[in-house]
Amino acid sequence: MAYYNFINVNFNTMSTENNNYVDFHCHSAMKPFGKSFKKNRSKGKNTRKKRRRNSIWKYDPPSVIDKLLNYTIKLTKFSQANFTSLAKGGVTVVCVSLYPLEKCFFNIDIKSEFFKDLILNFVTGLGKKRIDAIQSMQDYFEDLNLEYDFYKQLDGKTRLRDGKFRYKIINNFAEIGAIREQDELKNVTTICVILTIEGMHVLNSNADKVPTEAVIMGNLKKLKAWVTPPFFVSIAHHFKNHLCGHAQSLDKKVEACIDKNCFDKNTGFKPLGEKVVKELLNNKNGKRILIDVKHMSVASRRYYYDLLETTDDYKGIPIIVSHGAANGLKSFDEKVSQGSEFAASFNTGDINFFNEELIKIAKSKGIFCLQLDERRVASENTIKKVKHSIIRSKIMHYRSKLLWNQIQHIVEVLDVQGLPAWDCIALGTDYDGIIDPLNAFWTSEELPYLADFLERHAHNYMRDASFNVPENKIKTDEIISRIMSTNGMKFIEAYYK
C-alpha cells in the first residue's frame, strides 16, 4: 500500500454530487439574520434576493484579506454556512442552531460606546443594529421566535444556482426519504433542515432578571408546541442562565473584559434546570426533545449522565455532543493524558470531553460530532508546531491532521473497551458560530476536500492498525463515509421520529 503524504488536488473539478454530508451544528442564519436589522422594514426578513446580506443564500466566500485576518488574529468575518456554501459542499442534511446571542457578550469593559460597538461589529460581523437590539433585548424567547420565522420564510422555496436548489425544514427522518423522491421527479436538490437550539437561556423572557419558573416552563411549553420543535437543545452556553453551570468557553483575555456576574462556571444544575431537563425529555406532553451536553460544566454533566443511568423512563436516550472535541484526559477524577499517542496534544479544557465520556456516548448509542475549531481540537502549543506552507494542498494536509488526531484517539479509546469504534463519530462544524476554523477549510464549501484529506490520513493509519474488535478493521472509504454521512443519518433515523 502507498503511504499518502501530500497529494496534488484539482481544486476546480472536485465533484460534490452524491456526497450527502450531514452537519450536526452550524449557525446558517446568524449573519444574515443579524444583517436584517439594518433597516426596520427588513428586520427579521429572509430575502430571496441572494445578493442581499439578509439572505440565507448570500454567498460570501473569504477574500485573501479575510483569510489573513483569520490566520493572524483569528477573526472570522466571512460567512461559512450560508445555504449556497452548504450546497456547493454537498451538505444535504443540516442541524441549524437557533441562538439568540447573550447580552453578556456585549457587556464589555470599554469606555467608549462607539468603539465598543465598532469592535463588536468587526468581531461578529452581525452589524451595529443587531448589536443594539441585543444590548436592549428584554425577551430572548421573542428573539428565538423571530429567528425561527427567518428560516420558515424561504422554507421549500426553490432558487437557481447551476440547477435548482431549496431547503426544507423537516420534522422527522421519514420526511427525508419523501423529499429525496420528490427531488428526483422535479430535478431539484433539497437541503433538509433540522432545527436545534444552543442554550436554554432562550426560555428566559426577561434577560436582565432572574427568571421565574412560570415564565421558563410556560415558554418551554410553547417551544414543544412548535409545528417543527427542535430535535435537540443544549442547556448551557457561554454565560449564567440560572439553569445549570457551564464550562469555560471564552478566551481568558476576552473573559477578563466581561462583567464577572455574567458567569456561572463549574457549578451544577439548579432545581429549575432539573425541571427543564425532565420536561424536555418528557414524551407524554409533546415530542421528546433530546439534550446536547456541549457547554455543560463537569458538575452538570455528572448530574445528567446519572439521571439517564438511574431513571427507567430515560433508558435508551442517547447522549449527544453536537460540536465537540476530546481533551485526551482519562476521566473527571483522573486528569491524566491517556488513550492514544495524541492524547497530550489536545486542548485539556473541560469544555472538551474526557475518555470516560466518549465511552458513555458510545454505549448509549449516542453521537459525538467533531467541530472544526482549531482552538478546541488541539492545544495552543500543538497548533504552534503545525508545519506551514504556501501550497494549499500541504496546508490542508497539515491542518486536517489535527482533526484526524481526534478521530484516531476516539477510535482507540473505544476499541480498548471492546466497542464499535467508528459508529458514533460525526461532524458538527460550528460554522458561523464565531469560530476559528481549521486553516484552508474555511467554509462548508471545503468539506469535500476535508473528506478527501481525512481519507488519506485514514489510509496511513489503517495500513498498520490492529484492533481488539475485529469489526473495527474497515476500509478507509467506509470510515470517511460514516463520519461525514452515514453515522449521522443512522442517528437521525433512530431518534428523530
Foldseek 3Di string as FASTA:
>chain_A
DDADFFDDDDPVDDDLPPLQFEALEAALQQQLQLVLLPDPVSRLAADPPQCDRNHLNPDWDDDPVQLVCCVPVNAHQTFFPRPVLLVLLNHQEYAHAQELDALLLQQFPDPDPVVSLVVVCRRQVRDSSSNVCNNPAFFLLVVSVSNVVSVVPQAPPWDDDPFIEGEHEDQALVVVVVVVVVCVVVVYRYRYYAYEYEALLNQAGGSPDQGDLCSSVVSLLVQLVDPRHHQAYEHDDCFDSLAAAFFHDDDPVSVVRTDPNGHRHQGAGDPSNVVSQVVLCDCVRHHRHHYAHQGGHPRHVVVVLVCCVPDPSNQLRAYHHSEAFAQQAADPVGGDRDQDPCSVFFNNGVSHHHLVVLQRRQVSLHAHAYEFFPVGLGPPVNVVPQDDDPDLSNLLLRQLVSVLVRLVRQQRSQQVVVTQRQQRAAHHHHGSVSGSGRNSSSHSSCNVVSLVSSLSVVVNALVPDDTPHVVNNDHSNVSSSNHGRDSVSVVSNVRSD
